Amino acid sequence: EEKRRRKEMEKMKQHWDMVGFVADGQYGIPRRCPCGGFIKNDVSPSPKFKHDFNTQPDSRYFTCTKFKDDGLHFRQPWVFGVEEEIAKLVKKVEEQSKTIEEMRKQIQIQAEEIAKLKT
């Protein structure tokens, strides 16, 4: 009885961990599904699943190759993934611009110090 309950609890924990991984991983363009499946670009001729975002035909999705409508695999609207990825890249560019500006200031300070040492 105790072994069965423990096994059941472990199975339940794995299930909820997987649900969490899927939820956490749906930011930007997915590279792999938490189940280990590959992600493909999918064009939906019509809404197949109750949670399909766009009801227009030919909607694009990032979809796990092993997708089942059970909440444990990726099926993300393409536009959401691309928008989030662009936002992430813009943030990186802004951070790099700040770093470059700081480096320019350091170079200027060092150039001034070198000029002082030469005189």
C-alpha atoms as a PDB file:
ATOM      1  CA  GLU A   1       0.000   0.000   0.000  1.00  0.00           C
ATOM      2  CA  GLU A   2       2.758   2.451   0.975  1.00  0.00           C
ATOM      3  CA  LYS A   3       4.772   1.644  -2.169  1.00  0.00           C
ATOM      4  CA  ARG A   4       1.731   2.170  -4.370  1.00  0.00           C
ATOM      5  CA  ARG A   5       0.957   5.547  -2.760  1.00  0.00           C
ATOM      6  CA  ARG A   6       4.575   6.648  -3.090  1.00  0.00           C
ATOM      7  CA  LYS A   7       4.630   5.611  -6.757  1.00  0.00           C
ATOM      8  CA  GLU A   8       1.371   7.475  -7.366  1.00  0.00           C
ATOM      9  CA  MET A   9       2.731  10.606  -5.683  1.00  0.00           C
ATOM     10  CA  GLU A  10       5.937  10.463  -7.747  1.00  0.00           C
ATOM     11  CA  LYS A  11       3.914  10.105 -10.935  1.00  0.00           C
ATOM     12  CA  MET A  12       1.731  13.060  -9.949  1.00  0.00           C
ATOM     13  CA  LYS A  13       4.801  15.163  -9.118  1.00  0.00           C
ATOM     14  CA  GLN A  14       6.348  14.356 -12.508  1.00  0.00           C
ATOM     15  CA  HIS A  15       3.107  15.378 -14.209  1.00  0.00           C
ATOM     16  CA  TRP A  16       2.934  18.747 -12.424  1.00  0.00           C
ATOM     17  CA  ASP A  17       6.648  19.345 -12.950  1.00  0.00           C
ATOM     18  CA  MET A  18       6.090  18.815 -16.667  1.00  0.00           C
ATOM     19  CA  VAL A  19       3.126  21.215 -16.685  1.00  0.00           C
ATOM     20  CA  GLY A  20       5.373  23.788 -14.996  1.00  0.00           C
ATOM     21  CA  PHE A  21       8.178  23.217 -17.521  1.00  0.00           C
ATOM     22  CA  VAL A  22       5.758  23.756 -20.397  1.00  0.00           C
ATOM     23  CA  ALA A  23       4.379  26.944 -18.839  1.00  0.00           C
ATOM     24  CA  ASP A  24       7.861  28.298 -18.055  1.00  0.00           C
ATOM     25  CA  GLY A  25       9.193  27.396 -21.467  1.00  0.00           C
ATOM     26  CA  GLN A  26       6.558  29.211 -23.485  1.00  0.00           C
ATOM     27  CA  TYR A  27       8.542  32.401 -23.792  1.00  0.00           C
ATOM     28  CA  GLY A  28      10.079  33.358 -27.093  1.00  0.00           C
ATOM     29  CA  ILE A  29      10.716  30.855 -29.841  1.00  0.00           C
ATOM     30  CA  PRO A  30      10.828  27.376 -28.315  1.00  0.00           C
ATOM     31  CA  ARG A  31      13.867  25.255 -29.211  1.00  0.00           C
ATOM     32  CA  ARG A  32      12.679  21.914 -27.798  1.00  0.00           C
ATOM     33  CA  CYS A  33       9.595  20.730 -25.989  1.00  0.00           C
ATOM     34  CA  PRO A  34      10.069  19.696 -22.337  1.00  0.00           C
ATOM     35  CA  CYS A  35       9.040  16.173 -23.405  1.00  0.00           C
ATOM     36  CA  GLY A  36      12.192  16.065 -25.556  1.00  0.00           C
ATOM     37  CA  GLY A  37      10.323  16.417 -28.837  1.00  0.00           C
ATOM     38  CA  PHE A  38      11.485  18.717 -31.595  1.00  0.00           C
ATOM     39  CA  ILE A  39       9.619  21.900 -32.458  1.00  0.00           C
ATOM     40  CA  LYS A  40       8.246  22.353 -35.963  1.00  0.00           C
ATOM     41  CA  ASN A  41       6.596  25.284 -37.693  1.00  0.00           C
ATOM     42  CA  ASP A  42       3.014  24.221 -38.162  1.00  0.00           C
ATOM     43  CA  VAL A  43       0.286  25.819 -40.255  1.00  0.00           C
ATOM     44  CA  SER A  44      -3.198  25.068 -39.027  1.00  0.00           C
ATOM     45  CA  PRO A  45      -5.795  24.990 -41.818  1.00  0.00           C
ATOM     46  CA  SER A  46      -8.491  25.491 -39.182  1.00  0.00           C
ATOM     47  CA  PRO A  47      -8.679  25.604 -35.372  1.00  0.00           C
ATOM     48  CA  LYS A  48      -8.090  22.034 -34.162  1.00  0.00           C
ATOM     49  CA  PHE A  49      -7.951  22.468 -30.429  1.00  0.00           C
ATOM     50  CA  LYS A  50     -10.073  24.372 -27.946  1.00  0.00           C
ATOM     51  CA  HIS A  51      -7.120  26.547 -26.916  1.00  0.00           C
ATOM     52  CA  ASP A  52      -6.068  27.574 -30.442  1.00  0.00           C
ATOM     53  CA  PHE A  53      -5.619  31.329 -30.232  1.00  0.00           C
ATOM     54  CA  ASN A  54      -6.378  32.433 -33.737  1.00  0.00           C
ATOM     55  CA  THR A  55      -9.530  31.233 -35.445  1.00  0.00           C
ATOM     56  CA  GLN A  56      -8.300  32.306 -38.878  1.00  0.00           C
ATOM     57  CA  PRO A  57      -7.357  29.536 -41.301  1.00  0.00           C
ATOM     58  CA  ASP A  58      -3.648  29.102 -42.019  1.00  0.00           C
ATOM     59  CA  SER A  59      -2.591  30.243 -38.548  1.00  0.00           C
ATOM     60  CA  ARG A  60       1.064  29.483 -37.774  1.00  0.00           C
ATOM     61  CA  TYR A  61       2.211  27.700 -34.627  1.00  0.00           C
ATOM     62  CA  PHE A  62       5.364  26.371 -33.022  1.00  0.00           C
ATOM     63  CA  THR A  63       4.305  22.789 -32.318  1.00  0.00           C
ATOM     64  CA  CYS A  64       5.976  19.808 -30.656  1.00  0.00           C
ATOM     65  CA  THR A  65       6.356  16.888 -33.073  1.00  0.00           C
ATOM     66  CA  LYS A  66       4.802  14.661 -30.371  1.00  0.00           C
ATOM     67  CA  PHE A  67       1.955  17.102 -29.641  1.00  0.00           C
ATOM     68  CA  LYS A  68      -1.176  15.851 -27.911  1.00  0.00           C
ATOM     69  CA  ASP A  69      -3.793  18.216 -26.518  1.00  0.00           C
ATOM     70  CA  ASP A  70      -2.914  17.326 -22.913  1.00  0.00           C
ATOM     71  CA  GLY A  71      -1.102  20.490 -21.770  1.00  0.00           C
ATOM     72  CA  LEU A  72       2.292  18.762 -21.655  1.00  0.00           C
ATOM     73  CA  HIS A  73       3.553  19.744 -25.099  1.00  0.00           C
ATOM     74  CA  PHE A  74       4.168  23.014 -26.925  1.00  0.00           C
ATOM     75  CA  ARG A  75       1.666  24.476 -29.316  1.00  0.00           C
ATOM     76  CA  GLN A  76       2.323  28.180 -29.271  1.00  0.00           C
ATOM     77  CA  PRO A  77       1.021  30.793 -31.716  1.00  0.00           C
ATOM     78  CA  TRP A  78       3.892  31.785 -33.982  1.00  0.00           C
ATOM     79  CA  VAL A  79       3.276  35.515 -33.577  1.00  0.00           C
ATOM     80  CA  PHE A  80       3.564  35.319 -29.761  1.00  0.00           C
ATOM     81  CA  GLY A  81       6.881  33.497 -29.938  1.00  0.00           C
ATOM     82  CA  VAL A  82       8.328  35.914 -32.481  1.00  0.00           C
ATOM     83  CA  GLU A  83       7.151  39.011 -30.560  1.00  0.00           C
ATOM     84  CA  GLU A  84       8.679  37.722 -27.320  1.00  0.00           C
ATOM     85  CA  GLU A  85      11.921  36.792 -29.075  1.00  0.00           C
ATOM     86  CA  ILE A  86      12.186  40.275 -30.609  1.00  0.00           C
ATOM     87  CA  ALA A  87      11.569  41.880 -27.203  1.00  0.00           C
ATOM     88  CA  LYS A  88      14.334  39.704 -25.732  1.00  0.00           C
ATOM     89  CA  LEU A  89      16.737  40.680 -28.531  1.00  0.00           C
ATOM     90  CA  VAL A  90      15.926  44.400 -28.167  1.00  0.00           C
ATOM     91  CA  LYS A  91      16.720  44.179 -24.458  1.00  0.00           C
ATOM     92  CA  LYS A  92      20.058  42.483 -25.244  1.00  0.00           C
ATOM     93  CA  VAL A  93      20.945  45.196 -27.766  1.00  0.00           C
ATOM     94  CA  GLU A  94      20.137  47.915 -25.213  1.00  0.00           C
ATOM     95  CA  GLU A  95      22.332  46.205 -22.606  1.00  0.00           C
ATOM     96  CA  GLN A  96      25.174  45.878 -25.103  1.00  0.00           C
ATOM     97  CA  SER A  97      24.837  49.556 -26.058  1.00  0.00           C
ATOM     98  CA  LYS A  98      25.250  50.512 -22.400  1.00  0.00           C
ATOM     99  CA  THR A  99      28.293  48.244 -22.109  1.00  0.00           C
ATOM    100  CA  ILE A 100      29.846  49.790 -25.226  1.00  0.00           C
ATOM    101  CA  GLU A 101      29.256  53.305 -23.868  1.00  0.00           C
ATOM    102  CA  GLU A 102      30.891  52.374 -20.549  1.00  0.00           C
ATOM    103  CA  MET A 103      33.879  50.914 -22.404  1.00  0.00           C
ATOM    104  CA  ARG A 104      34.222  54.081 -24.488  1.00  0.00           C
ATOM    105  CA  LYS A 105      34.340  56.141 -21.301  1.00  0.00           C
ATOM    106  CA  GLN A 106      37.003  53.823 -19.842  1.00  0.00           C
ATOM    107  CA  ILE A 107      39.054  54.066 -23.035  1.00  0.00           C
ATOM    108  CA  GLN A 108      38.814  57.868 -22.921  1.00  0.00           C
ATOM    109  CA  ILE A 109      39.972  57.928 -19.282  1.00  0.00           C
ATOM    110  CA  GLN A 110      42.862  55.576 -20.069  1.00  0.00           C
ATOM    111  CA  ALA A 111      43.849  57.641 -23.116  1.00  0.00           C
ATOM    112  CA  GLU A 112      43.951  60.768 -20.942  1.00  0.00           C
ATOM    113  CA  GLU A 113      46.071  58.963 -18.327  1.00  0.00           C
ATOM    114  CA  ILE A 114      48.476  57.761 -21.028  1.00  0.00           C
ATOM    115  CA  ALA A 115      48.742  61.304 -22.413  1.00  0.00           C
ATOM    116  CA  LYS A 116      49.587  62.603 -18.912  1.00  0.00           C
ATOM    117  CA  LEU A 117      52.269  59.944 -18.467  1.00  0.00           C
ATOM    118  CA  LYS A 118      53.883  60.850 -21.795  1.00  0.00           C
ATOM    119  CA  THR A 119      54.326  64.495 -20.793  1.00  0.00           C
END
